[in-house]
Amino acid sequence: MAEKMRAEERATSPHCVSIVICDNVIEDKATNNKTLVSLFNQILVHALPTKYARMFVVASLTDGRGKCPITLRVVHLSSAREIARVDGELDSQDPLEVLDLVVEFRGLPFFEEGTYVAEVLSESAILGQRRFSVTKPKEQSS
């Protein structure tokens, strides 16, 4: 019985149920409910390199137990170049609760076109990923 209790008390990494990329997040202070504004999967840029003014990544996590390290990072997929990273700790008291991780990035540097990924990790294990692309507008032929 004591062995079972110790196993249940150990911290475990949460499960990522969703990752959304958007322009803005509005949070109701009374309920903690969030409104996600202008969800997107593509960023159009006219020149590279460039800095993207503002972007939010919202990850919903559940089934965690105790304290565990959490990293949210943005990576260019083909080159594996990390362009942004936020490290923190998640403390889940109830494995049934869903915790929303909201991260605002300002001035994200994009050096090349292609596929990028916003990913949530815990101790180097990927919990979830969301792909998005950075592209220049196609030139129209006359």
C-alpha atoms as a PDB file:
ATOM      1  CA  MET A   1       0.000   0.000   0.000  1.00  0.00           C
ATOM      2  CA  ALA A   2       2.803   2.437   0.901  1.00  0.00           C
ATOM      3  CA  GLU A   3       4.537   1.677  -2.426  1.00  0.00           C
ATOM      4  CA  LYS A   4       1.323   2.475  -4.301  1.00  0.00           C
ATOM      5  CA  MET A   5       1.008   5.820  -2.470  1.00  0.00           C
ATOM      6  CA  ARG A   6       4.578   6.797  -3.333  1.00  0.00           C
ATOM      7  CA  ALA A   7       4.011   5.972  -7.004  1.00  0.00           C
ATOM      8  CA  GLU A   8       0.845   8.099  -7.078  1.00  0.00           C
ATOM      9  CA  GLU A   9       2.648  11.056  -5.463  1.00  0.00           C
ATOM     10  CA  ARG A  10       5.371  11.179  -8.121  1.00  0.00           C
ATOM     11  CA  ALA A  11       5.172  14.012 -10.577  1.00  0.00           C
ATOM     12  CA  THR A  12       4.156  13.039 -14.099  1.00  0.00           C
ATOM     13  CA  SER A  13       4.222  15.083 -17.283  1.00  0.00           C
ATOM     14  CA  PRO A  14       0.872  16.333 -18.526  1.00  0.00           C
ATOM     15  CA  HIS A  15      -0.784  15.436 -21.812  1.00  0.00           C
ATOM     16  CA  CYS A  16      -1.136  18.253 -24.363  1.00  0.00           C
ATOM     17  CA  VAL A  17      -4.681  18.294 -25.757  1.00  0.00           C
ATOM     18  CA  SER A  18      -4.330  21.343 -28.032  1.00  0.00           C
ATOM     19  CA  ILE A  19      -2.039  24.084 -29.286  1.00  0.00           C
ATOM     20  CA  VAL A  20      -3.434  27.160 -31.015  1.00  0.00           C
ATOM     21  CA  ILE A  21      -1.595  30.094 -32.608  1.00  0.00           C
ATOM     22  CA  CYS A  22      -3.389  33.435 -32.740  1.00  0.00           C
ATOM     23  CA  ASP A  23      -3.021  37.214 -32.845  1.00  0.00           C
ATOM     24  CA  ASN A  24      -4.548  37.961 -29.438  1.00  0.00           C
ATOM     25  CA  VAL A  25      -5.967  36.377 -26.276  1.00  0.00           C
ATOM     26  CA  ILE A  26      -8.606  38.085 -24.145  1.00  0.00           C
ATOM     27  CA  GLU A  27      -8.977  36.621 -20.649  1.00  0.00           C
ATOM     28  CA  ASP A  28     -12.004  37.132 -18.431  1.00  0.00           C
ATOM     29  CA  LYS A  29     -10.585  37.818 -14.957  1.00  0.00           C
ATOM     30  CA  ALA A  30     -13.692  36.536 -13.164  1.00  0.00           C
ATOM     31  CA  THR A  31     -13.892  33.139 -14.901  1.00  0.00           C
ATOM     32  CA  ASN A  32     -10.402  32.725 -16.429  1.00  0.00           C
ATOM     33  CA  ASN A  33     -12.148  31.893 -19.721  1.00  0.00           C
ATOM     34  CA  LYS A  34     -10.172  32.880 -22.789  1.00  0.00           C
ATOM     35  CA  THR A  35     -11.238  34.288 -26.134  1.00  0.00           C
ATOM     36  CA  LEU A  36      -8.729  33.514 -28.886  1.00  0.00           C
ATOM     37  CA  VAL A  37      -8.690  36.142 -31.636  1.00  0.00           C
ATOM     38  CA  SER A  38      -7.583  35.592 -35.259  1.00  0.00           C
ATOM     39  CA  LEU A  39      -6.317  32.011 -35.237  1.00  0.00           C
ATOM     40  CA  PHE A  40      -3.826  31.328 -38.029  1.00  0.00           C
ATOM     41  CA  ASN A  41      -1.556  28.728 -39.622  1.00  0.00           C
ATOM     42  CA  GLN A  42       0.373  30.986 -41.998  1.00  0.00           C
ATOM     43  CA  ILE A  43       2.338  34.217 -41.741  1.00  0.00           C
ATOM     44  CA  LEU A  44       2.786  36.217 -44.953  1.00  0.00           C
ATOM     45  CA  VAL A  45       5.922  38.361 -45.059  1.00  0.00           C
ATOM     46  CA  HIS A  46       7.114  40.729 -47.784  1.00  0.00           C
ATOM     47  CA  ALA A  47      10.815  40.458 -46.985  1.00  0.00           C
ATOM     48  CA  LEU A  48      13.155  38.239 -45.004  1.00  0.00           C
ATOM     49  CA  PRO A  49      14.616  38.419 -42.480  1.00  0.00           C
ATOM     50  CA  THR A  50      11.773  40.050 -40.592  1.00  0.00           C
ATOM     51  CA  LYS A  51      10.375  40.379 -37.095  1.00  0.00           C
ATOM     52  CA  TYR A  52       6.763  39.394 -36.538  1.00  0.00           C
ATOM     53  CA  ALA A  53       5.197  41.989 -34.253  1.00  0.00           C
ATOM     54  CA  ARG A  54       3.052  39.830 -31.968  1.00  0.00           C
ATOM     55  CA  MET A  55       1.870  36.233 -31.733  1.00  0.00           C
ATOM     56  CA  PHE A  56       0.277  34.129 -29.003  1.00  0.00           C
ATOM     57  CA  VAL A  57       0.646  30.396 -28.493  1.00  0.00           C
ATOM     58  CA  VAL A  58      -1.993  28.766 -26.288  1.00  0.00           C
ATOM     59  CA  ALA A  59      -1.459  25.172 -25.137  1.00  0.00           C
ATOM     60  CA  SER A  60      -3.995  23.222 -23.080  1.00  0.00           C
ATOM     61  CA  LEU A  61      -2.523  20.553 -20.810  1.00  0.00           C
ATOM     62  CA  THR A  62      -4.159  17.913 -18.612  1.00  0.00           C
ATOM     63  CA  ASP A  63      -3.418  14.685 -16.742  1.00  0.00           C
ATOM     64  CA  GLY A  64      -0.358  16.107 -15.003  1.00  0.00           C
ATOM     65  CA  ARG A  65       0.573  15.366 -11.424  1.00  0.00           C
ATOM     66  CA  GLY A  66       2.728  17.618  -9.275  1.00  0.00           C
ATOM     67  CA  LYS A  67       5.417  19.997 -10.522  1.00  0.00           C
ATOM     68  CA  CYS A  68       7.149  19.412 -13.840  1.00  0.00           C
ATOM     69  CA  PRO A  69       9.315  21.571 -16.115  1.00  0.00           C
ATOM     70  CA  ILE A  70       7.622  22.921 -19.250  1.00  0.00           C
ATOM     71  CA  THR A  71       9.246  24.476 -22.300  1.00  0.00           C
ATOM     72  CA  LEU A  72       7.470  26.186 -25.169  1.00  0.00           C
ATOM     73  CA  ARG A  73       9.648  26.857 -28.180  1.00  0.00           C
ATOM     74  CA  VAL A  74       9.351  27.937 -31.807  1.00  0.00           C
ATOM     75  CA  VAL A  75      11.595  26.128 -34.272  1.00  0.00           C
ATOM     76  CA  HIS A  76      12.211  26.294 -38.034  1.00  0.00           C
ATOM     77  CA  LEU A  77      11.487  22.691 -38.977  1.00  0.00           C
ATOM     78  CA  SER A  78      13.972  21.958 -41.773  1.00  0.00           C
ATOM     79  CA  SER A  79      16.983  23.665 -40.165  1.00  0.00           C
ATOM     80  CA  ALA A  80      16.027  22.867 -36.518  1.00  0.00           C
ATOM     81  CA  ARG A  81      16.881  26.506 -35.715  1.00  0.00           C
ATOM     82  CA  GLU A  82      15.245  27.586 -32.454  1.00  0.00           C
ATOM     83  CA  ILE A  83      13.965  31.143 -32.779  1.00  0.00           C
ATOM     84  CA  ALA A  84      12.188  31.486 -29.419  1.00  0.00           C
ATOM     85  CA  ARG A  85      12.021  29.628 -26.124  1.00  0.00           C
ATOM     86  CA  VAL A  86      10.199  30.049 -22.812  1.00  0.00           C
ATOM     87  CA  ASP A  87      11.004  27.775 -19.858  1.00  0.00           C
ATOM     88  CA  GLY A  88       8.812  27.384 -16.809  1.00  0.00           C
ATOM     89  CA  GLU A  89       7.195  24.974 -14.417  1.00  0.00           C
ATOM     90  CA  LEU A  90       3.692  23.557 -14.371  1.00  0.00           C
ATOM     91  CA  ASP A  91       2.117  22.627 -11.042  1.00  0.00           C
ATOM     92  CA  SER A  92      -0.916  20.398 -11.425  1.00  0.00           C
ATOM     93  CA  GLN A  93      -2.819  19.589  -8.242  1.00  0.00           C
ATOM     94  CA  ASP A  94      -5.562  17.561  -9.933  1.00  0.00           C
ATOM     95  CA  PRO A  95      -4.906  15.334 -12.954  1.00  0.00           C
ATOM     96  CA  LEU A  96      -8.454  16.042 -14.210  1.00  0.00           C
ATOM     97  CA  GLU A  97      -7.950  19.814 -14.483  1.00  0.00           C
ATOM     98  CA  VAL A  98      -7.034  21.430 -17.790  1.00  0.00           C
ATOM     99  CA  LEU A  99      -4.370  24.118 -17.516  1.00  0.00           C
ATOM    100  CA  ASP A 100      -3.989  26.711 -20.274  1.00  0.00           C
ATOM    101  CA  LEU A 101      -0.478  27.890 -20.982  1.00  0.00           C
ATOM    102  CA  VAL A 102      -0.626  31.301 -22.711  1.00  0.00           C
ATOM    103  CA  VAL A 103       2.617  32.713 -24.108  1.00  0.00           C
ATOM    104  CA  GLU A 104       2.943  36.021 -25.958  1.00  0.00           C
ATOM    105  CA  PHE A 105       5.870  36.450 -28.332  1.00  0.00           C
ATOM    106  CA  ARG A 106       6.840  39.923 -29.536  1.00  0.00           C
ATOM    107  CA  GLY A 107       9.289  40.585 -32.345  1.00  0.00           C
ATOM    108  CA  LEU A 108       9.777  36.951 -33.356  1.00  0.00           C
ATOM    109  CA  PRO A 109      12.667  36.821 -35.830  1.00  0.00           C
ATOM    110  CA  PHE A 110      12.027  34.859 -39.028  1.00  0.00           C
ATOM    111  CA  PHE A 111      15.081  34.396 -41.231  1.00  0.00           C
ATOM    112  CA  GLU A 112      13.691  32.135 -43.940  1.00  0.00           C
ATOM    113  CA  GLU A 113      10.508  30.859 -45.483  1.00  0.00           C
ATOM    114  CA  GLY A 114       9.246  27.423 -44.588  1.00  0.00           C
ATOM    115  CA  THR A 115       7.478  25.382 -41.978  1.00  0.00           C
ATOM    116  CA  TYR A 116       7.863  26.274 -38.325  1.00  0.00           C
ATOM    117  CA  VAL A 117       6.593  24.466 -35.271  1.00  0.00           C
ATOM    118  CA  ALA A 118       5.424  25.681 -31.880  1.00  0.00           C
ATOM    119  CA  GLU A 119       6.115  22.826 -29.503  1.00  0.00           C
ATOM    120  CA  VAL A 120       5.527  22.076 -25.851  1.00  0.00           C
ATOM    121  CA  LEU A 121       8.108  19.904 -24.097  1.00  0.00           C
ATOM    122  CA  SER A 122       8.752  18.507 -20.656  1.00  0.00           C
ATOM    123  CA  GLU A 123      12.262  17.258 -19.914  1.00  0.00           C
ATOM    124  CA  SER A 124      13.048  17.058 -23.670  1.00  0.00           C
ATOM    125  CA  ALA A 125       9.941  14.931 -24.396  1.00  0.00           C
ATOM    126  CA  ILE A 126       7.614  16.561 -26.919  1.00  0.00           C
ATOM    127  CA  LEU A 127       4.099  16.816 -25.470  1.00  0.00           C
ATOM    128  CA  GLY A 128       2.536  18.524 -28.487  1.00  0.00           C
ATOM    129  CA  GLN A 129       3.296  20.454 -31.673  1.00  0.00           C
ATOM    130  CA  ARG A 130       1.528  22.926 -33.950  1.00  0.00           C
ATOM    131  CA  ARG A 131       2.938  23.666 -37.401  1.00  0.00           C
ATOM    132  CA  PHE A 132       2.640  26.966 -39.205  1.00  0.00           C
ATOM    133  CA  SER A 133       4.288  28.401 -42.281  1.00  0.00           C
ATOM    134  CA  VAL A 134       6.111  31.604 -43.087  1.00  0.00           C
ATOM    135  CA  THR A 135       5.847  32.530 -46.771  1.00  0.00           C
ATOM    136  CA  LYS A 136       6.185  35.433 -49.143  1.00  0.00           C
ATOM    137  CA  PRO A 137       3.125  36.262 -51.252  1.00  0.00           C
ATOM    138  CA  LYS A 138       3.178  34.583 -54.654  1.00  0.00           C
ATOM    139  CA  GLU A 139       3.904  36.988 -57.486  1.00  0.00           C
ATOM    140  CA  GLN A 140       0.978  37.307 -59.834  1.00  0.00           C
ATOM    141  CA  SER A 141       1.643  37.007 -63.554  1.00  0.00           C
ATOM    142  CA  SER A 142       0.070  39.598 -65.831  1.00  0.00           C
END
